[in-house]
Amino acid sequence: MKVLDQLARTEQVDCGYRNSSDRMVILRCIGPGQFFLERVVFPFELLTFQCPEMSEVEIWTHGLGGPELLESIESRELIMESAPVPEAAAGGIELNPWLQAS
Protein backbone atom coordinates (compact mmCIF):
# COMPACT_ATOMS: atom_id res chain seq x y z
CA MET A 1 0.00 0.00 0.00
CA LYS A 2 2.92 2.33 0.69
CA VAL A 3 4.06 2.14 -2.97
CA LEU A 4 0.56 3.01 -4.25
CA ASP A 5 0.39 6.02 -1.93
CA GLN A 6 3.78 7.21 -3.17
CA LEU A 7 2.70 6.85 -6.82
CA ALA A 8 -0.48 8.82 -6.12
CA ARG A 9 1.61 11.71 -4.76
CA THR A 10 4.07 11.68 -7.68
CA GLU A 11 3.40 14.25 -10.42
CA GLN A 12 2.16 12.42 -13.53
CA VAL A 13 2.82 13.81 -17.01
CA ASP A 14 1.10 13.00 -20.31
CA CYS A 15 3.56 11.57 -22.82
CA GLY A 16 3.38 10.37 -26.40
CA TYR A 17 5.63 8.17 -28.51
CA ARG A 18 5.20 7.51 -32.24
CA ASN A 19 6.80 4.39 -33.67
CA SER A 20 8.08 5.71 -36.98
CA SER A 21 9.74 2.42 -37.92
CA ASP A 22 8.22 -0.38 -39.99
CA ARG A 23 8.72 -2.87 -37.13
CA MET A 24 6.88 -3.47 -33.89
CA VAL A 25 8.73 -2.14 -30.82
CA ILE A 26 8.33 -2.48 -27.07
CA LEU A 27 8.19 0.67 -24.95
CA ARG A 28 9.34 0.31 -21.35
CA CYS A 29 8.90 3.19 -18.95
CA ILE A 30 10.75 2.94 -15.64
CA GLY A 31 10.11 5.58 -13.02
CA PRO A 32 10.52 6.38 -9.35
CA GLY A 33 8.57 4.51 -6.70
CA GLN A 34 8.70 1.17 -8.54
CA PHE A 35 6.71 2.59 -11.48
CA PHE A 36 6.90 0.32 -14.54
CA LEU A 37 4.94 0.38 -17.79
CA GLU A 38 5.50 -1.88 -20.79
CA ARG A 39 3.54 -1.64 -24.04
CA VAL A 40 3.82 -3.00 -27.58
CA VAL A 41 3.77 -0.20 -30.18
CA PHE A 42 2.93 -1.18 -33.73
CA PRO A 43 4.49 0.49 -36.79
CA PHE A 44 3.37 4.12 -37.21
CA GLU A 45 1.22 3.91 -34.06
CA LEU A 46 1.07 6.79 -31.56
CA LEU A 47 1.04 5.59 -27.95
CA THR A 48 -0.05 8.05 -25.27
CA PHE A 49 0.57 7.29 -21.61
CA GLN A 50 1.05 8.85 -18.20
CA CYS A 51 4.16 8.41 -16.09
CA PRO A 52 6.01 10.09 -13.22
CA GLU A 53 7.92 13.18 -14.31
CA MET A 54 11.42 11.75 -13.77
CA SER A 55 10.90 8.48 -15.71
CA GLU A 56 13.19 6.88 -18.29
CA VAL A 57 11.67 5.44 -21.48
CA GLU A 58 13.40 2.62 -23.34
CA ILE A 59 12.51 1.44 -26.85
CA TRP A 60 13.31 -2.21 -27.56
CA THR A 61 13.03 -4.39 -30.64
CA HIS A 62 13.69 -8.06 -31.28
CA GLY A 63 16.55 -8.84 -33.65
CA LEU A 64 18.24 -12.06 -34.71
CA GLY A 65 20.33 -12.09 -31.55
CA GLY A 66 17.41 -11.42 -29.22
CA PRO A 67 16.16 -8.18 -27.64
CA GLU A 68 17.98 -5.00 -28.73
CA LEU A 69 17.79 -1.59 -27.06
CA LEU A 70 17.12 0.96 -29.82
CA GLU A 71 17.01 4.15 -27.77
CA SER A 72 16.68 5.54 -24.28
CA ILE A 73 14.66 8.74 -23.81
CA GLU A 74 13.87 10.89 -20.79
CA SER A 75 10.11 11.23 -20.28
CA ARG A 76 10.31 15.04 -20.34
CA GLU A 77 11.27 14.79 -24.04
CA LEU A 78 7.97 13.00 -24.75
CA ILE A 79 5.63 15.33 -22.85
CA MET A 80 2.51 16.21 -24.83
CA GLU A 81 1.07 19.68 -24.43
CA SER A 82 -2.59 19.92 -23.54
CA ALA A 83 -4.86 21.33 -26.20
CA PRO A 84 -6.32 24.68 -25.17
CA VAL A 85 -10.04 24.65 -24.38
CA PRO A 86 -11.93 26.86 -26.86
CA GLU A 87 -13.57 29.86 -25.18
CA ALA A 88 -17.00 28.93 -26.50
CA ALA A 89 -16.77 25.42 -25.03
CA ALA A 90 -15.60 26.79 -21.70
CA GLY A 91 -18.59 29.16 -21.58
CA GLY A 92 -21.17 26.38 -21.83
CA ILE A 93 -24.40 26.20 -23.79
CA GLU A 94 -25.14 29.93 -23.54
CA LEU A 95 -22.11 30.87 -25.66
CA ASN A 96 -22.16 27.88 -28.00
CA PRO A 97 -25.51 26.97 -29.62
CA TRP A 98 -23.92 23.86 -31.17
CA LEU A 99 -23.91 22.24 -27.72
CA GLN A 100 -27.73 22.24 -27.62
CA ALA A 101 -29.70 19.22 -28.78
CA SER A 102 -32.42 19.93 -31.31
PDB file of N, CA and C in Angstrom:
ATOM      1  N   MET A   1       0.815  -1.189   0.000  1.00  0.00           N
ATOM      2  CA  MET A   1       0.000   0.000   0.000  1.00  0.00           C
ATOM      3  C   MET A   1       0.864   1.261   0.000  1.00  0.00           C
ATOM      4  N   LYS A   2       2.017   1.179   0.606  1.00  0.00           N
ATOM      5  CA  LYS A   2       2.923   2.325   0.685  1.00  0.00           C
ATOM      6  C   LYS A   2       3.356   2.780  -0.713  1.00  0.00           C
ATOM      7  N   VAL A   3       3.635   1.816  -1.610  1.00  0.00           N
ATOM      8  CA  VAL A   3       4.061   2.136  -2.973  1.00  0.00           C
ATOM      9  C   VAL A   3       2.940   2.845  -3.728  1.00  0.00           C
ATOM     10  N   LEU A   4       1.696   2.375  -3.567  1.00  0.00           N
ATOM     11  CA  LEU A   4       0.562   3.006  -4.250  1.00  0.00           C
ATOM     12  C   LEU A   4       0.352   4.435  -3.761  1.00  0.00           C
ATOM     13  N   ASP A   5       0.511   4.663  -2.461  1.00  0.00           N
ATOM     14  CA  ASP A   5       0.387   6.020  -1.926  1.00  0.00           C
ATOM     15  C   ASP A   5       1.461   6.935  -2.501  1.00  0.00           C
ATOM     16  N   GLN A   6       2.679   6.412  -2.629  1.00  0.00           N
ATOM     17  CA  GLN A   6       3.783   7.211  -3.165  1.00  0.00           C
ATOM     18  C   GLN A   6       3.529   7.563  -4.631  1.00  0.00           C
ATOM     19  N   LEU A   7       3.007   6.590  -5.413  1.00  0.00           N
ATOM     20  CA  LEU A   7       2.700   6.854  -6.822  1.00  0.00           C
ATOM     21  C   LEU A   7       1.595   7.898  -6.959  1.00  0.00           C
ATOM     22  N   ALA A   8       0.615   7.857  -6.062  1.00  0.00           N
ATOM     23  CA  ALA A   8      -0.482   8.817  -6.121  1.00  0.00           C
ATOM     24  C   ALA A   8       0.023  10.237  -5.874  1.00  0.00           C
ATOM     25  N   ARG A   9       1.069  10.389  -5.067  1.00  0.00           N
ATOM     26  CA  ARG A   9       1.605  11.714  -4.759  1.00  0.00           C
ATOM     27  C   ARG A   9       2.607  12.202  -5.801  1.00  0.00           C
ATOM     28  N   THR A  10       3.093  11.309  -6.668  1.00  0.00           N
ATOM     29  CA  THR A  10       4.072  11.682  -7.682  1.00  0.00           C
ATOM     30  C   THR A  10       3.368  12.399  -8.831  1.00  0.00           C
ATOM     31  N   GLU A  11       3.962  13.485  -9.293  1.00  0.00           N
ATOM     32  CA  GLU A  11       3.404  14.249 -10.415  1.00  0.00           C
ATOM     33  C   GLU A  11       3.435  13.398 -11.682  1.00  0.00           C
ATOM     34  N   GLN A  12       2.266  13.189 -12.300  1.00  0.00           N
ATOM     35  CA  GLN A  12       2.160  12.418 -13.532  1.00  0.00           C
ATOM     36  C   GLN A  12       2.138  13.381 -14.720  1.00  0.00           C
ATOM     37  N   VAL A  13       2.812  13.005 -15.790  1.00  0.00           N
ATOM     38  CA  VAL A  13       2.819  13.814 -17.007  1.00  0.00           C
ATOM     39  C   VAL A  13       2.253  12.984 -18.156  1.00  0.00           C
ATOM     40  N   ASP A  14       1.631  13.659 -19.118  1.00  0.00           N
ATOM     41  CA  ASP A  14       1.103  13.004 -20.312  1.00  0.00           C
ATOM     42  C   ASP A  14       2.205  12.952 -21.353  1.00  0.00           C
ATOM     43  N   CYS A  15       2.492  11.755 -21.835  1.00  0.00           N
ATOM     44  CA  CYS A  15       3.561  11.571 -22.820  1.00  0.00           C
ATOM     45  C   CYS A  15       3.019  10.880 -24.065  1.00  0.00           C
ATOM     46  N   GLY A  16       3.743  11.035 -25.162  1.00  0.00           N
ATOM     47  CA  GLY A  16       3.380  10.371 -26.402  1.00  0.00           C
ATOM     48  C   GLY A  16       4.623   9.901 -27.135  1.00  0.00           C
ATOM     49  N   TYR A  17       4.526   8.707 -27.718  1.00  0.00           N
ATOM     50  CA  TYR A  17       5.633   8.167 -28.510  1.00  0.00           C
ATOM     51  C   TYR A  17       5.059   7.614 -29.806  1.00  0.00           C
ATOM     52  N   ARG A  18       5.603   8.045 -30.936  1.00  0.00           N
ATOM     53  CA  ARG A  18       5.195   7.509 -32.237  1.00  0.00           C
ATOM     54  C   ARG A  18       6.282   6.582 -32.751  1.00  0.00           C
ATOM     55  N   ASN A  19       5.872   5.354 -33.082  1.00  0.00           N
ATOM     56  CA  ASN A  19       6.797   4.386 -33.665  1.00  0.00           C
ATOM     57  C   ASN A  19       6.882   4.677 -35.158  1.00  0.00           C
ATOM     58  N   SER A  20       7.939   5.333 -35.572  1.00  0.00           N
ATOM     59  CA  SER A  20       8.083   5.710 -36.980  1.00  0.00           C
ATOM     60  C   SER A  20       8.789   4.636 -37.804  1.00  0.00           C
ATOM     61  N   SER A  21       9.091   3.503 -37.181  1.00  0.00           N
ATOM     62  CA  SER A  21       9.744   2.419 -37.920  1.00  0.00           C
ATOM     63  C   SER A  21       8.692   1.504 -38.542  1.00  0.00           C
ATOM     64  N   ASP A  22       9.145   0.582 -39.376  1.00  0.00           N
ATOM     65  CA  ASP A  22       8.223  -0.375 -39.989  1.00  0.00           C
ATOM     66  C   ASP A  22       8.185  -1.691 -39.214  1.00  0.00           C
ATOM     67  N   ARG A  23       8.712  -1.674 -37.984  1.00  0.00           N
ATOM     68  CA  ARG A  23       8.723  -2.868 -37.130  1.00  0.00           C
ATOM     69  C   ARG A  23       8.058  -2.563 -35.794  1.00  0.00           C
ATOM     70  N   MET A  24       7.473  -3.598 -35.212  1.00  0.00           N
ATOM     71  CA  MET A  24       6.885  -3.471 -33.893  1.00  0.00           C
ATOM     72  C   MET A  24       7.998  -3.252 -32.868  1.00  0.00           C
ATOM     73  N   VAL A  25       7.759  -2.378 -31.882  1.00  0.00           N
ATOM     74  CA  VAL A  25       8.732  -2.140 -30.818  1.00  0.00           C
ATOM     75  C   VAL A  25       8.040  -2.299 -29.467  1.00  0.00           C
ATOM     76  N   ILE A  26       8.843  -2.409 -28.429  1.00  0.00           N
ATOM     77  CA  ILE A  26       8.332  -2.479 -27.066  1.00  0.00           C
ATOM     78  C   ILE A  26       8.811  -1.238 -26.329  1.00  0.00           C
ATOM     79  N   LEU A  27       7.873  -0.510 -25.738  1.00  0.00           N
ATOM     80  CA  LEU A  27       8.189   0.675 -24.951  1.00  0.00           C
ATOM     81  C   LEU A  27       8.171   0.271 -23.480  1.00  0.00           C
ATOM     82  N   ARG A  28       9.253   0.551 -22.792  1.00  0.00           N
ATOM     83  CA  ARG A  28       9.337   0.307 -21.349  1.00  0.00           C
ATOM     84  C   ARG A  28       9.595   1.635 -20.668  1.00  0.00           C
ATOM     85  N   CYS A  29       8.755   1.953 -19.709  1.00  0.00           N
ATOM     86  CA  CYS A  29       8.896   3.194 -18.953  1.00  0.00           C
ATOM     87  C   CYS A  29       9.177   2.819 -17.505  1.00  0.00           C
ATOM     88  N   ILE A  30      10.328   3.244 -17.000  1.00  0.00           N
ATOM     89  CA  ILE A  30      10.745   2.939 -15.639  1.00  0.00           C
ATOM     90  C   ILE A  30      10.847   4.256 -14.883  1.00  0.00           C
ATOM     91  N   GLY A  31      10.127   4.340 -13.773  1.00  0.00           N
ATOM     92  CA  GLY A  31      10.108   5.585 -13.022  1.00  0.00           C
ATOM     93  C   GLY A  31      10.353   5.379 -11.546  1.00  0.00           C
ATOM     94  N   PRO A  32      10.304   6.462 -10.795  1.00  0.00           N
ATOM     95  CA  PRO A  32      10.521   6.378  -9.354  1.00  0.00           C
ATOM     96  C   PRO A  32       9.363   5.657  -8.661  1.00  0.00           C
ATOM     97  N   GLY A  33       9.623   5.161  -7.473  1.00  0.00           N
ATOM     98  CA  GLY A  33       8.572   4.508  -6.698  1.00  0.00           C
ATOM     99  C   GLY A  33       8.100   3.210  -7.305  1.00  0.00           C
ATOM    100  N   GLN A  34       8.984   2.470  -7.916  1.00  0.00           N
ATOM    101  CA  GLN A  34       8.698   1.174  -8.541  1.00  0.00           C
ATOM    102  C   GLN A  34       7.680   1.278  -9.680  1.00  0.00           C
ATOM    103  N   PHE A  35       7.605   2.436 -10.332  1.00  0.00           N
ATOM    104  CA  PHE A  35       6.711   2.593 -11.476  1.00  0.00           C
ATOM    105  C   PHE A  35       7.297   1.844 -12.664  1.00  0.00           C
ATOM    106  N   PHE A  36       6.462   1.056 -13.360  1.00  0.00           N
ATOM    107  CA  PHE A  36       6.904   0.324 -14.540  1.00  0.00           C
ATOM    108  C   PHE A  36       5.729   0.193 -15.494  1.00  0.00           C
ATOM    109  N   LEU A  37       5.962   0.509 -16.757  1.00  0.00           N
ATOM    110  CA  LEU A  37       4.945   0.385 -17.793  1.00  0.00           C
ATOM    111  C   LEU A  37       5.604  -0.237 -19.010  1.00  0.00           C
ATOM    112  N   GLU A  38       4.965  -1.244 -19.589  1.00  0.00           N
ATOM    113  CA  GLU A  38       5.504  -1.881 -20.793  1.00  0.00           C
ATOM    114  C   GLU A  38       4.364  -2.059 -21.784  1.00  0.00           C
ATOM    115  N   ARG A  39       4.564  -1.558 -23.002  1.00  0.00           N
ATOM    116  CA  ARG A  39       3.540  -1.642 -24.042  1.00  0.00           C
ATOM    117  C   ARG A  39       4.174  -1.984 -25.383  1.00  0.00           C
ATOM    118  N   VAL A  40       3.427  -2.719 -26.199  1.00  0.00           N
ATOM    119  CA  VAL A  40       3.821  -2.996 -27.577  1.00  0.00           C
ATOM    120  C   VAL A  40       3.302  -1.843 -28.430  1.00  0.00           C
ATOM    121  N   VAL A  41       4.155  -1.303 -29.300  1.00  0.00           N
ATOM    122  CA  VAL A  41       3.767  -0.195 -30.177  1.00  0.00           C
ATOM    123  C   VAL A  41       3.965  -0.665 -31.617  1.00  0.00           C
ATOM    124  N   PHE A  42       2.881  -0.706 -32.361  1.00  0.00           N
ATOM    125  CA  PHE A  42       2.931  -1.179 -33.735  1.00  0.00           C
ATOM    126  C   PHE A  42       3.490  -0.100 -34.661  1.00  0.00           C
ATOM    127  N   PRO A  43       3.933  -0.495 -35.856  1.00  0.00           N
ATOM    128  CA  PRO A  43       4.494   0.488 -36.791  1.00  0.00           C
ATOM    129  C   PRO A  43       3.537   1.658 -37.033  1.00  0.00           C
ATOM    130  N   PHE A  44       4.077   2.862 -36.955  1.00  0.00           N
ATOM    131  CA  PHE A  44       3.374   4.119 -37.213  1.00  0.00           C
ATOM    132  C   PHE A  44       2.279   4.436 -36.186  1.00  0.00           C
ATOM    133  N   GLU A  45       2.203   3.661 -35.112  1.00  0.00           N
ATOM    134  CA  GLU A  45       1.218   3.907 -34.056  1.00  0.00           C
ATOM    135  C   GLU A  45       1.711   5.007 -33.113  1.00  0.00           C
ATOM    136  N   LEU A  46       0.772   5.795 -32.585  1.00  0.00           N
ATOM    137  CA  LEU A  46       1.072   6.790 -31.555  1.00  0.00           C
ATOM    138  C   LEU A  46       0.543   6.252 -30.234  1.00  0.00           C
ATOM    139  N   LEU A  47       1.422   6.057 -29.279  1.00  0.00           N
ATOM    140  CA  LEU A  47       1.043   5.590 -27.948  1.00  0.00           C
ATOM    141  C   LEU A  47       1.071   6.776 -27.001  1.00  0.00           C
ATOM    142  N   THR A  48      -0.023   7.013 -26.300  1.00  0.00           N
ATOM    143  CA  THR A  48      -0.051   8.049 -25.273  1.00  0.00           C
ATOM    144  C   THR A  48      -0.151   7.358 -23.923  1.00  0.00           C
ATOM    145  N   PHE A  49       0.542   7.906 -22.938  1.00  0.00           N
ATOM    146  CA  PHE A  49       0.569   7.286 -21.612  1.00  0.00           C
ATOM    147  C   PHE A  49       0.920   8.329 -20.570  1.00  0.00           C
ATOM    148  N   GLN A  50       0.672   7.994 -19.316  1.00  0.00           N
ATOM    149  CA  GLN A  50       1.048   8.847 -18.196  1.00  0.00           C
ATOM    150  C   GLN A  50       2.135   8.156 -17.397  1.00  0.00           C
ATOM    151  N   CYS A  51       3.069   8.949 -16.901  1.00  0.00           N
ATOM    152  CA  CYS A  51       4.157   8.405 -16.092  1.00  0.00           C
ATOM    153  C   CYS A  51       4.664   9.484 -15.143  1.00  0.00           C
ATOM    154  N   PRO A  52       5.397   9.084 -14.102  1.00  0.00           N
ATOM    155  CA  PRO A  52       6.010  10.085 -13.223  1.00  0.00           C
ATOM    156  C   PRO A  52       6.992  10.949 -14.011  1.00  0.00           C
ATOM    157  N   GLU A  53       7.134  12.173 -13.585  1.00  0.00           N
ATOM    158  CA  GLU A  53       7.918  13.175 -14.310  1.00  0.00           C
ATOM    159  C   GLU A  53       9.373  12.763 -14.563  1.00  0.00           C
ATOM    160  N   MET A  54       9.997  12.080 -13.654  1.00  0.00           N
ATOM    161  CA  MET A  54      11.423  11.745 -13.775  1.00  0.00           C
ATOM    162  C   MET A  54      11.648  10.322 -14.304  1.00  0.00           C
ATOM    163  N   SER A  55      10.800   9.841 -15.186  1.00  0.00           N
ATOM    164  CA  SER A  55      10.902   8.476 -15.711  1.00  0.00           C
ATOM    165  C   SER A  55      11.863   8.390 -16.891  1.00  0.00           C
ATOM    166  N   GLU A  56      12.322   7.182 -17.145  1.00  0.00           N
ATOM    167  CA  GLU A  56      13.186   6.884 -18.288  1.00  0.00           C
ATOM    168  C   GLU A  56      12.409   5.943 -19.213  1.00  0.00           C
ATOM    169  N   VAL A  57      12.381   6.248 -20.499  1.00  0.00           N
ATOM    170  CA  VAL A  57      11.666   5.436 -21.480  1.00  0.00           C
ATOM    171  C   VAL A  57      12.686   4.728 -22.357  1.00  0.00           C
ATOM    172  N   GLU A  58      12.522   3.419 -22.488  1.00  0.00           N
ATOM    173  CA  GLU A  58      13.404   2.618 -23.344  1.00  0.00           C
ATOM    174  C   GLU A  58      12.585   2.025 -24.480  1.00  0.00           C
ATOM    175  N   ILE A  59      13.153   2.022 -25.669  1.00  0.00           N
ATOM    176  CA  ILE A  59      12.513   1.443 -26.845  1.00  0.00           C
ATOM    177  C   ILE A  59      13.322   0.218 -27.250  1.00  0.00           C
ATOM    178  N   TRP A  60      12.661  -0.930 -27.256  1.00  0.00           N
ATOM    179  CA  TRP A  60      13.306  -2.210 -27.557  1.00  0.00           C
ATOM    180  C   TRP A  60      12.703  -2.820 -28.815  1.00  0.00           C
ATOM    181  N   THR A  61      13.506  -3.603 -29.515  1.00  0.00           N
ATOM    182  CA  THR A  61      13.031  -4.394 -30.645  1.00  0.00           C
ATOM    183  C   THR A  61      13.611  -5.791 -30.496  1.00  0.00           C
ATOM    184  N   HIS A  62      13.181  -6.686 -31.346  1.00  0.00           N
ATOM    185  CA  HIS A  62      13.693  -8.055 -31.283  1.00  0.00           C
ATOM    186  C   HIS A  62      14.431  -8.354 -32.580  1.00  0.00           C
ATOM    187  N   GLY A  63      15.728  -8.529 -32.485  1.00  0.00           N
ATOM    188  CA  GLY A  63      16.547  -8.837 -33.655  1.00  0.00           C
ATOM    189  C   GLY A  63      16.904 -10.312 -33.700  1.00  0.00           C
ATOM    190  N   LEU A  64      17.808 -10.665 -34.580  1.00  0.00           N
ATOM    191  CA  LEU A  64      18.238 -12.059 -34.713  1.00  0.00           C
ATOM    192  C   LEU A  64      18.920 -12.572 -33.453  1.00  0.00           C
ATOM    193  N   GLY A  65      19.623 -11.694 -32.759  1.00  0.00           N
ATOM    194  CA  GLY A  65      20.333 -12.095 -31.550  1.00  0.00           C
ATOM    195  C   GLY A  65      19.517 -11.961 -30.283  1.00  0.00           C
ATOM    196  N   GLY A  66      18.252 -11.614 -30.391  1.00  0.00           N
ATOM    197  CA  GLY A  66      17.409 -11.419 -29.220  1.00  0.00           C
ATOM    198  C   GLY A  66      17.019  -9.957 -29.066  1.00  0.00           C
ATOM    199  N   PRO A  67      16.588  -9.568 -27.871  1.00  0.00           N
ATOM    200  CA  PRO A  67      16.162  -8.181 -27.641  1.00  0.00           C
ATOM    201  C   PRO A  67      17.305  -7.191 -27.843  1.00  0.00           C
ATOM    202  N   GLU A  68      16.988  -6.053 -28.481  1.00  0.00           N
ATOM    203  CA  GLU A  68      17.981  -5.001 -28.728  1.00  0.00           C
ATOM    204  C   GLU A  68      17.410  -3.665 -28.271  1.00  0.00           C
ATOM    205  N   LEU A  69      18.184  -2.925 -27.486  1.00  0.00           N
ATOM    206  CA  LEU A  69      17.786  -1.589 -27.059  1.00  0.00           C
ATOM    207  C   LEU A  69      18.048  -0.615 -28.204  1.00  0.00           C
ATOM    208  N   LEU A  70      16.982   0.002 -28.716  1.00  0.00           N
ATOM    209  CA  LEU A  70      17.119   0.955 -29.824  1.00  0.00           C
ATOM    210  C   LEU A  70      17.464   2.350 -29.328  1.00  0.00           C
ATOM    211  N   GLU A  71      16.742   2.814 -28.299  1.00  0.00           N
ATOM    212  CA  GLU A  71      17.013   4.147 -27.768  1.00  0.00           C
ATOM    213  C   GLU A  71      16.500   4.267 -26.341  1.00  0.00           C
ATOM    214  N   SER A  72      17.076   5.217 -25.645  1.00  0.00           N
ATOM    215  CA  SER A  72      16.681   5.536 -24.280  1.00  0.00           C
ATOM    216  C   SER A  72      16.360   7.028 -24.239  1.00  0.00           C
ATOM    217  N   ILE A  73      15.160   7.368 -23.749  1.00  0.00           N
ATOM    218  CA  ILE A  73      14.663   8.739 -23.812  1.00  0.00           C
ATOM    219  C   ILE A  73      14.166   9.151 -22.428  1.00  0.00           C
ATOM    220  N   GLU A  74      14.441  10.378 -22.028  1.00  0.00           N
ATOM    221  CA  GLU A  74      13.867  10.894 -20.788  1.00  0.00           C
ATOM    222  C   GLU A  74      12.411  11.264 -21.047  1.00  0.00           C
ATOM    223  N   SER A  75      11.550  10.987 -20.084  1.00  0.00           N
ATOM    224  CA  SER A  75      10.115  11.228 -20.283  1.00  0.00           C
ATOM    225  C   SER A  75       9.808  12.691 -20.588  1.00  0.00           C
ATOM    226  N   ARG A  76      10.603  13.615 -20.087  1.00  0.00           N
ATOM    227  CA  ARG A  76      10.313  15.038 -20.338  1.00  0.00           C
ATOM    228  C   ARG A  76      10.435  15.394 -21.825  1.00  0.00           C
ATOM    229  N   GLU A  77      11.164  14.570 -22.596  1.00  0.00           N
ATOM    230  CA  GLU A  77      11.268  14.795 -24.042  1.00  0.00           C
ATOM    231  C   GLU A  77      10.014  14.333 -24.783  1.00  0.00           C
ATOM    232  N   LEU A  78       9.169  13.549 -24.115  1.00  0.00           N
ATOM    233  CA  LEU A  78       7.972  12.999 -24.748  1.00  0.00           C
ATOM    234  C   LEU A  78       6.686  13.650 -24.254  1.00  0.00           C
ATOM    235  N   ILE A  79       6.811  14.695 -23.433  1.00  0.00           N
ATOM    236  CA  ILE A  79       5.626  15.331 -22.854  1.00  0.00           C
ATOM    237  C   ILE A  79       4.773  15.945 -23.955  1.00  0.00           C
ATOM    238  N   MET A  80       3.477  15.663 -23.878  1.00  0.00           N
ATOM    239  CA  MET A  80       2.513  16.215 -24.832  1.00  0.00           C
ATOM    240  C   MET A  80       1.853  17.423 -24.187  1.00  0.00           C
ATOM    241  N   GLU A  81       1.742  18.494 -24.935  1.00  0.00           N
ATOM    242  CA  GLU A  81       1.070  19.685 -24.427  1.00  0.00           C
ATOM    243  C   GLU A  81      -0.433  19.484 -24.511  1.00  0.00           C
ATOM    244  N   SER A  82      -1.137  19.997 -23.534  1.00  0.00           N
ATOM    245  CA  SER A  82      -2.593  19.920 -23.535  1.00  0.00           C
ATOM    246  C   SER A  82      -3.144  20.880 -24.576  1.00  0.00           C
ATOM    247  N   ALA A  83      -4.200  20.449 -25.232  1.00  0.00           N
ATOM    248  CA  ALA A  83      -4.859  21.327 -26.202  1.00  0.00           C
ATOM    249  C   ALA A  83      -5.637  22.387 -25.440  1.00  0.00           C
ATOM    250  N   PRO A  84      -5.564  23.634 -25.864  1.00  0.00           N
ATOM    251  CA  PRO A  84      -6.318  24.680 -25.165  1.00  0.00           C
ATOM    252  C   PRO A  84      -7.818  24.468 -25.347  1.00  0.00           C
ATOM    253  N   VAL A  85      -8.582  24.773 -24.314  1.00  0.00           N
ATOM    254  CA  VAL A  85     -10.036  24.648 -24.380  1.00  0.00           C
ATOM    255  C   VAL A  85     -10.585  25.882 -25.084  1.00  0.00           C
ATOM    256  N   PRO A  86     -11.365  25.696 -26.167  1.00  0.00           N
ATOM    257  CA  PRO A  86     -11.932  26.856 -26.859  1.00  0.00           C
ATOM    258  C   PRO A  86     -12.813  27.665 -25.905  1.00  0.00           C
ATOM    259  N   GLU A  87     -12.799  28.982 -26.067  1.00  0.00           N
ATOM    260  CA  GLU A  87     -13.568  29.858 -25.177  1.00  0.00           C
ATOM    261  C   GLU A  87     -15.051  29.533 -25.210  1.00  0.00           C
ATOM    262  N   ALA A  88     -15.580  29.227 -26.385  1.00  0.00           N
ATOM    263  CA  ALA A  88     -17.005  28.931 -26.502  1.00  0.00           C
ATOM    264  C   ALA A  88     -17.362  27.664 -25.730  1.00  0.00           C
ATOM    265  N   ALA A  89     -16.507  26.662 -25.757  1.00  0.00           N
ATOM    266  CA  ALA A  89     -16.770  25.423 -25.030  1.00  0.00           C
ATOM    267  C   ALA A  89     -16.671  25.654 -23.531  1.00  0.00           C
ATOM    268  N   ALA A  90     -15.767  26.505 -23.119  1.00  0.00           N
ATOM    269  CA  ALA A  90     -15.602  26.791 -21.695  1.00  0.00           C
ATOM    270  C   ALA A  90     -16.799  27.561 -21.158  1.00  0.00           C
ATOM    271  N   GLY A  91     -17.463  28.345 -22.006  1.00  0.00           N
ATOM    272  CA  GLY A  91     -18.592  29.158 -21.577  1.00  0.00           C
ATOM    273  C   GLY A  91     -19.885  28.385 -21.428  1.00  0.00           C
ATOM    274  N   GLY A  92     -19.956  27.182 -21.957  1.00  0.00           N
ATOM    275  CA  GLY A  92     -21.165  26.379 -21.831  1.00  0.00           C
ATOM    276  C   GLY A  92     -22.133  26.607 -22.978  1.00  0.00           C
ATOM    277  N   ILE A  93     -23.373  26.177 -22.759  1.00  0.00           N
ATOM    278  CA  ILE A  93     -24.404  26.201 -23.793  1.00  0.00           C
ATOM    279  C   ILE A  93     -24.773  27.627 -24.195  1.00  0.00           C
ATOM    280  N   GLU A  94     -24.733  28.556 -23.238  1.00  0.00           N
ATOM    281  CA  GLU A  94     -25.142  29.929 -23.538  1.00  0.00           C
ATOM    282  C   GLU A  94     -24.301  30.541 -24.660  1.00  0.00           C
ATOM    283  N   LEU A  95     -23.002  30.268 -24.675  1.00  0.00           N
ATOM    284  CA  LEU A  95     -22.111  30.866 -25.663  1.00  0.00           C
ATOM    285  C   LEU A  95     -21.941  30.015 -26.918  1.00  0.00           C
ATOM    286  N   ASN A  96     -22.363  28.767 -26.866  1.00  0.00           N
ATOM    287  CA  ASN A  96     -22.161  27.876 -28.003  1.00  0.00           C
ATOM    288  C   ASN A  96     -23.458  27.134 -28.317  1.00  0.00           C
ATOM    289  N   PRO A  97     -24.238  27.615 -29.296  1.00  0.00           N
ATOM    290  CA  PRO A  97     -25.511  26.966 -29.616  1.00  0.00           C
ATOM    291  C   PRO A  97     -25.334  25.558 -30.179  1.00  0.00           C
ATOM    292  N   TRP A  98     -24.146  25.202 -30.630  1.00  0.00           N
ATOM    293  CA  TRP A  98     -23.916  23.865 -31.170  1.00  0.00           C
ATOM    294  C   TRP A  98     -23.966  22.799 -30.083  1.00  0.00           C
ATOM    295  N   LEU A  99     -23.858  23.196 -28.821  1.00  0.00           N
ATOM    296  CA  LEU A  99     -23.906  22.237 -27.721  1.00  0.00           C
ATOM    297  C   LEU A  99     -25.335  21.849 -27.354  1.00  0.00           C
ATOM    298  N   GLN A 100     -26.336  22.532 -27.933  1.00  0.00           N
ATOM    299  CA  GLN A 100     -27.733  22.240 -27.617  1.00  0.00           C
ATOM    300  C   GLN A 100     -28.266  21.164 -28.543  1.00  0.00           C
ATOM    301  N   ALA A 101     -29.042  20.247 -27.973  1.00  0.00           N
ATOM    302  CA  ALA A 101     -29.695  19.217 -28.784  1.00  0.00           C
ATOM    303  C   ALA A 101     -30.934  19.826 -29.429  1.00  0.00           C
ATOM    304  N   SER A 102     -31.237  19.381 -30.649  1.00  0.00           N
ATOM    305  CA  SER A 102     -32.424  19.932 -31.308  1.00  0.00           C
ATOM    306  C   SER A 102     -33.563  18.946 -31.281  1.00  0.00           C
TER     307      SER A 102
END
